[in-house]
Amino acid sequence: MAGTTPTPKNYDITHIQQGPGDLWILGAGGIILDSATPQVVQAADGTPDSNTYASAVHLGTTTGSMTIVATPKMEDIKVDQADGPVARYLTELEMSIEADLAQLDPAILQEGVPFATYSTVASPGYKQLAFGGLGGLIPPVCVCVIAQKRGVAAGKYVVSVLFNAHGTVGISTAIGRSKAASVKAQFKAITDLTRTAGRQMGVIYETL
């Protein structure tokens, strides 16, 4: 048809993400990042800034990709005058980050099992996680995955953050000769009602 203008296609291979990321606990008790600009303060090498997050913990190497999930649950609105739904509304939202941790270090594993008690003794020398008898509320932590963007200049990252989350899967590992051991970690976000509506659980963003 004469006089028409084509719509440009959104081909941009710099947004195809590939490469490993790092899993961090920014702090215990949850970190209240600003609702308007909830971005992690990063050092020049992309790691969380140690001055801003003095208690940040890196959860070590992982055996494979990390999974970032935001899953809604919606209900249909149906009326007798139509054979299909006429609208939908959101009833639930779940956000989570999952990873298989490769380093069986109790100091690292404690971050994913908030129902355990960590302790260490210099002599005779051990680190341990003890279980059983804890009650009451479990404090949340702020969790983030930081991955450098593929094929762009250094200093550009894809970042996923759960503002307040709990480790939920505990510890299950197999130790044997045929395969290196690992421990699955899963962190699920909770809603922070003090934050701006629409920004109460987490954020996924890229630096430009």
Protein backbone atom coordinates (compact mmCIF):
# COMPACT_ATOMS: atom_id res chain seq x y z
CA MET A 1 0.00 0.00 0.00
CA ALA A 2 1.47 3.32 -1.02
CA GLY A 3 2.40 5.76 1.72
CA THR A 4 2.82 3.21 4.49
CA THR A 5 5.82 3.29 6.87
CA PRO A 6 7.39 0.06 8.13
CA THR A 7 7.62 -0.60 11.86
CA PRO A 8 11.23 -1.31 12.89
CA LYS A 9 12.03 -4.76 14.24
CA ASN A 10 13.59 -4.91 17.68
CA TYR A 11 16.72 -6.92 16.83
CA ASP A 12 19.43 -6.15 19.40
CA ILE A 13 21.77 -9.04 20.13
CA THR A 14 23.41 -7.12 22.98
CA HIS A 15 20.31 -8.04 24.99
CA ILE A 16 20.88 -11.77 24.54
CA GLN A 17 22.27 -12.72 27.93
CA GLN A 18 24.83 -15.49 28.31
CA GLY A 19 27.43 -16.07 30.97
CA PRO A 20 27.69 -16.83 34.69
CA GLY A 21 26.42 -14.73 37.53
CA ASP A 22 27.21 -14.43 41.23
CA LEU A 23 24.79 -14.91 44.09
CA TRP A 24 25.03 -12.46 46.99
CA ILE A 25 23.37 -11.88 50.34
CA LEU A 26 23.52 -8.09 50.72
CA GLY A 27 22.58 -8.12 54.39
CA ALA A 28 20.58 -9.79 57.11
CA GLY A 29 17.23 -8.41 58.09
CA GLY A 30 16.53 -7.22 54.55
CA ILE A 31 17.99 -4.17 52.84
CA ILE A 32 15.51 -1.42 52.10
CA LEU A 33 16.64 -0.16 48.73
CA ASP A 34 14.97 3.06 47.64
CA SER A 35 11.59 2.38 46.03
CA ALA A 36 12.13 4.87 43.20
CA THR A 37 15.65 3.68 42.32
CA PRO A 38 16.06 0.20 43.85
CA GLN A 39 19.47 -0.49 42.32
CA VAL A 40 22.43 -2.13 44.04
CA VAL A 41 25.45 0.12 44.61
CA GLN A 42 28.26 -1.65 42.77
CA ALA A 43 32.03 -1.31 42.94
CA ALA A 44 34.09 -0.91 39.78
CA ASP A 45 34.36 -4.70 39.36
CA GLY A 46 30.59 -5.18 39.61
CA THR A 47 30.53 -6.60 43.14
CA PRO A 48 28.31 -4.99 45.80
CA ASP A 49 30.05 -1.96 47.31
CA SER A 50 31.58 -3.05 50.63
CA ASN A 51 31.02 0.35 52.24
CA THR A 52 27.30 0.30 51.47
CA TYR A 53 26.86 -3.40 52.25
CA ALA A 54 29.42 -4.11 54.95
CA SER A 55 27.88 -7.50 55.77
CA ALA A 56 27.50 -8.72 52.16
CA VAL A 57 28.26 -12.43 51.66
CA HIS A 58 29.16 -14.12 48.38
CA LEU A 59 27.71 -17.63 48.14
CA GLY A 60 30.59 -19.04 46.15
CA THR A 61 30.63 -21.08 42.96
CA THR A 62 27.56 -22.79 41.54
CA THR A 63 27.23 -25.98 39.52
CA GLY A 64 25.05 -24.44 36.84
CA SER A 65 22.80 -21.57 35.91
CA MET A 66 20.83 -19.65 38.50
CA THR A 67 17.09 -19.33 38.04
CA ILE A 68 15.19 -16.09 38.63
CA VAL A 69 11.42 -16.52 38.70
CA ALA A 70 8.43 -14.18 39.00
CA THR A 71 5.23 -16.22 38.87
CA PRO A 72 1.75 -14.67 38.94
CA LYS A 73 -1.51 -16.43 39.70
CA MET A 74 -4.54 -14.96 37.96
CA GLU A 75 -8.25 -15.63 38.21
CA ASP A 76 -10.69 -15.28 35.33
CA ILE A 77 -13.77 -13.10 35.52
CA LYS A 78 -16.58 -14.85 33.69
CA VAL A 79 -20.09 -13.71 32.88
CA ASP A 80 -23.06 -15.67 31.64
CA GLN A 81 -23.25 -13.55 28.51
CA ALA A 82 -19.87 -14.70 27.16
CA ASP A 83 -18.30 -18.10 26.55
CA GLY A 84 -14.83 -16.92 27.58
CA PRO A 85 -13.38 -14.78 30.37
CA VAL A 86 -13.94 -11.05 30.00
CA ALA A 87 -11.13 -9.96 32.34
CA ARG A 88 -8.54 -11.28 34.79
CA TYR A 89 -7.19 -10.16 38.15
CA LEU A 90 -4.01 -10.99 40.04
CA THR A 91 -4.45 -13.02 43.21
CA GLU A 92 -0.89 -14.08 44.02
CA LEU A 93 2.69 -13.31 43.05
CA GLU A 94 5.80 -15.31 43.91
CA MET A 95 9.41 -14.27 43.27
CA SER A 96 12.36 -16.55 43.85
CA ILE A 97 16.03 -17.14 43.08
CA GLU A 98 17.43 -20.67 42.89
CA ALA A 99 20.98 -21.99 42.58
CA ASP A 100 22.97 -25.16 43.22
CA LEU A 101 25.84 -24.20 45.51
CA ALA A 102 29.07 -26.08 44.83
CA GLN A 103 31.00 -25.15 47.98
CA LEU A 104 29.98 -27.23 51.01
CA ASP A 105 31.13 -24.58 53.47
CA PRO A 106 28.90 -24.19 56.56
CA ALA A 107 29.71 -20.47 56.60
CA ILE A 108 28.10 -20.20 53.14
CA LEU A 109 25.33 -22.76 53.60
CA GLN A 110 24.00 -20.96 56.68
CA GLU A 111 22.70 -18.18 54.42
CA GLY A 112 20.21 -20.58 52.84
CA VAL A 113 19.07 -22.26 56.07
CA PRO A 114 17.88 -19.52 58.45
CA PHE A 115 16.47 -22.19 60.78
CA ALA A 116 19.99 -23.46 61.60
CA THR A 117 22.56 -22.13 64.06
CA TYR A 118 26.07 -21.52 62.74
CA SER A 119 29.15 -21.63 64.95
CA THR A 120 32.90 -22.07 64.61
CA VAL A 121 35.66 -23.10 66.99
CA ALA A 122 39.34 -22.36 66.35
CA SER A 123 40.61 -25.34 68.34
CA PRO A 124 40.27 -28.23 67.66
CA GLY A 125 38.97 -26.44 64.57
CA TYR A 126 35.56 -26.78 62.93
CA LYS A 127 32.62 -24.90 61.45
CA GLN A 128 29.15 -26.29 61.95
CA LEU A 129 25.43 -25.89 61.41
CA ALA A 130 23.22 -27.18 64.22
CA PHE A 131 19.49 -27.82 63.83
CA GLY A 132 16.43 -27.97 66.05
CA GLY A 133 14.74 -25.87 68.68
CA LEU A 134 14.61 -22.46 67.02
CA GLY A 135 11.25 -20.72 67.20
CA GLY A 136 9.70 -17.39 66.40
CA LEU A 137 10.10 -15.21 63.35
CA ILE A 138 12.94 -15.85 60.91
CA PRO A 139 14.59 -12.60 59.75
CA PRO A 140 14.69 -12.04 55.99
CA VAL A 141 17.76 -11.27 53.90
CA CYS A 142 18.26 -9.21 50.76
CA VAL A 143 19.39 -11.49 47.90
CA CYS A 144 20.77 -10.54 44.50
CA VAL A 145 22.28 -12.11 41.37
CA ILE A 146 24.79 -10.01 39.43
CA ALA A 147 25.86 -11.09 35.93
CA GLN A 148 27.99 -9.19 33.45
CA LYS A 149 26.20 -8.48 30.18
CA ARG A 150 27.37 -10.47 27.19
CA GLY A 151 29.23 -8.78 24.38
CA VAL A 152 29.35 -5.25 25.80
CA ALA A 153 31.99 -3.13 27.45
CA ALA A 154 32.97 -3.99 31.02
CA GLY A 155 30.86 -2.40 33.72
CA LYS A 156 27.45 -3.36 32.32
CA TYR A 157 25.39 -5.85 34.29
CA VAL A 158 22.08 -7.70 34.58
CA VAL A 159 20.94 -7.65 38.21
CA SER A 160 18.07 -9.41 39.98
CA VAL A 161 17.15 -8.50 43.56
CA LEU A 162 14.77 -9.89 46.17
CA PHE A 163 14.40 -7.11 48.74
CA ASN A 164 13.34 -9.38 51.61
CA ALA A 165 13.57 -13.15 51.24
CA HIS A 166 14.04 -16.40 53.12
CA GLY A 167 15.98 -19.54 52.28
CA THR A 168 13.28 -22.18 51.99
CA VAL A 169 14.61 -25.57 50.90
CA GLY A 170 17.03 -26.57 53.66
CA ILE A 171 19.94 -28.89 52.91
CA SER A 172 19.92 -32.01 50.74
CA THR A 173 23.15 -33.28 49.24
CA ALA A 174 24.65 -36.52 47.98
CA ILE A 175 28.29 -37.26 48.72
CA GLY A 176 29.99 -39.90 46.63
CA ARG A 177 32.76 -40.73 44.18
CA SER A 178 30.89 -40.39 40.89
CA LYS A 179 29.76 -36.79 41.19
CA ALA A 180 30.80 -33.62 43.00
CA ALA A 181 28.43 -32.70 45.81
CA SER A 182 26.23 -29.62 45.72
CA VAL A 183 23.42 -28.09 47.75
CA LYS A 184 20.31 -26.50 46.26
CA ALA A 185 19.52 -23.02 47.55
CA GLN A 186 16.18 -21.34 47.01
CA PHE A 187 15.22 -17.89 48.24
CA LYS A 188 11.59 -16.75 48.16
CA ALA A 189 10.62 -13.11 48.51
CA ILE A 190 8.08 -11.73 50.97
CA THR A 191 6.08 -8.56 50.44
CA ASP A 192 7.34 -5.40 52.14
CA LEU A 193 4.23 -3.32 52.75
CA THR A 194 6.31 -0.24 53.60
CA ARG A 195 7.50 0.01 49.99
CA THR A 196 5.73 1.67 47.07
CA ALA A 197 2.96 -0.46 45.56
CA GLY A 198 4.26 -2.32 42.53
CA ARG A 199 7.80 -2.41 43.99
CA GLN A 200 7.32 -4.42 47.16
CA MET A 201 9.09 -7.72 46.39
CA GLY A 202 12.00 -7.34 43.99
CA VAL A 203 13.43 -5.94 40.78
CA ILE A 204 15.21 -7.14 37.62
CA TYR A 205 17.23 -4.56 35.72
CA GLU A 206 20.22 -3.97 33.49
CA THR A 207 22.77 -1.18 33.77
CA LEU A 208 23.22 0.96 30.65
